[in-house]
Amino acid sequence: MRDKAVLEGGPGDLPGRMVDAPSSGEDLKIPFRGGYEHYRPTARVQDGPLGSLRVFEWWERTEIAE
């Protein structure tokens, strides 16, 4: 089973706030509504049913070039 991460911030209607976490601690880029939501890893963790999950914080949105 892959490690999971929790997404914090960004669009309120973004589905799936729990995602597969990169093993190297790199940024996450989530495709959403014709663009990408970018999340950076933090030093924080959130406890839940799957244990302690790393928290990734939203920091910007970029548009997909057409």
Protein backbone atom coordinates (compact mmCIF):
# COMPACT_ATOMS: atom_id res chain seq x y z
CA MET A 1 0.00 0.00 0.00
CA ARG A 2 1.31 3.47 -0.90
CA ASP A 3 1.71 6.19 1.69
CA LYS A 4 -1.12 8.70 1.79
CA ALA A 5 -1.10 12.46 2.33
CA VAL A 6 -3.75 15.00 3.32
CA LEU A 7 -4.33 18.09 1.16
CA GLU A 8 -4.98 21.36 2.98
CA GLY A 9 -6.30 24.54 1.35
CA GLY A 10 -7.06 25.19 -2.30
CA PRO A 11 -10.50 24.93 -3.90
CA GLY A 12 -13.28 23.96 -1.50
CA ASP A 13 -14.83 21.61 -4.05
CA LEU A 14 -11.62 19.67 -4.79
CA PRO A 15 -12.57 15.99 -4.46
CA GLY A 16 -10.33 13.58 -2.60
CA ARG A 17 -8.42 15.36 0.15
CA MET A 18 -6.48 12.15 0.82
CA VAL A 19 -4.08 11.26 -2.02
CA ASP A 20 -1.04 9.08 -2.72
CA ALA A 21 2.05 10.79 -1.30
CA PRO A 22 5.31 11.02 -3.19
CA SER A 23 8.04 9.10 -1.39
CA SER A 24 10.65 11.81 -1.94
CA GLY A 25 8.71 14.69 -0.35
CA GLU A 26 8.34 16.49 -3.67
CA ASP A 27 5.43 18.83 -4.48
CA LEU A 28 2.08 17.46 -5.63
CA LYS A 29 0.36 18.67 -8.80
CA ILE A 30 -3.35 17.78 -8.89
CA PRO A 31 -5.28 18.24 -12.18
CA PHE A 32 -8.57 20.06 -11.56
CA ARG A 33 -10.97 22.11 -13.71
CA GLY A 34 -8.65 22.89 -16.61
CA GLY A 35 -5.60 23.56 -14.48
CA TYR A 36 -3.39 22.20 -11.74
CA GLU A 37 -3.57 22.77 -7.99
CA HIS A 38 -0.07 22.75 -6.49
CA TYR A 39 0.62 21.50 -2.97
CA ARG A 40 3.87 21.60 -1.00
CA PRO A 41 4.82 19.24 1.82
CA THR A 42 4.80 20.61 5.35
CA ALA A 43 6.40 19.32 8.55
CA ARG A 44 2.89 18.69 9.95
CA VAL A 45 1.01 15.40 10.19
CA GLN A 46 -2.68 14.69 10.69
CA ASP A 47 -3.88 11.66 12.64
CA GLY A 48 -6.77 9.66 11.22
CA PRO A 49 -8.05 6.15 10.56
CA LEU A 50 -5.01 5.39 8.37
CA GLY A 51 -2.55 6.64 10.99
CA SER A 52 -0.39 9.76 10.84
CA LEU A 53 -0.49 11.28 7.35
CA ARG A 54 1.77 14.01 5.99
CA VAL A 55 0.02 17.34 5.32
CA PHE A 56 0.52 19.08 1.97
CA GLU A 57 -0.47 22.75 1.80
CA TRP A 58 -1.92 24.48 -1.29
CA TRP A 59 0.30 27.26 -2.68
CA GLU A 60 -0.79 28.04 -6.25
CA ARG A 61 -2.89 27.19 -9.27
CA THR A 62 -1.65 27.06 -12.86
CA GLU A 63 -3.70 26.79 -16.05
CA ILE A 64 -3.25 24.00 -18.57
CA ALA A 65 -1.92 25.46 -21.83
CA GLU A 66 -4.15 24.79 -24.83
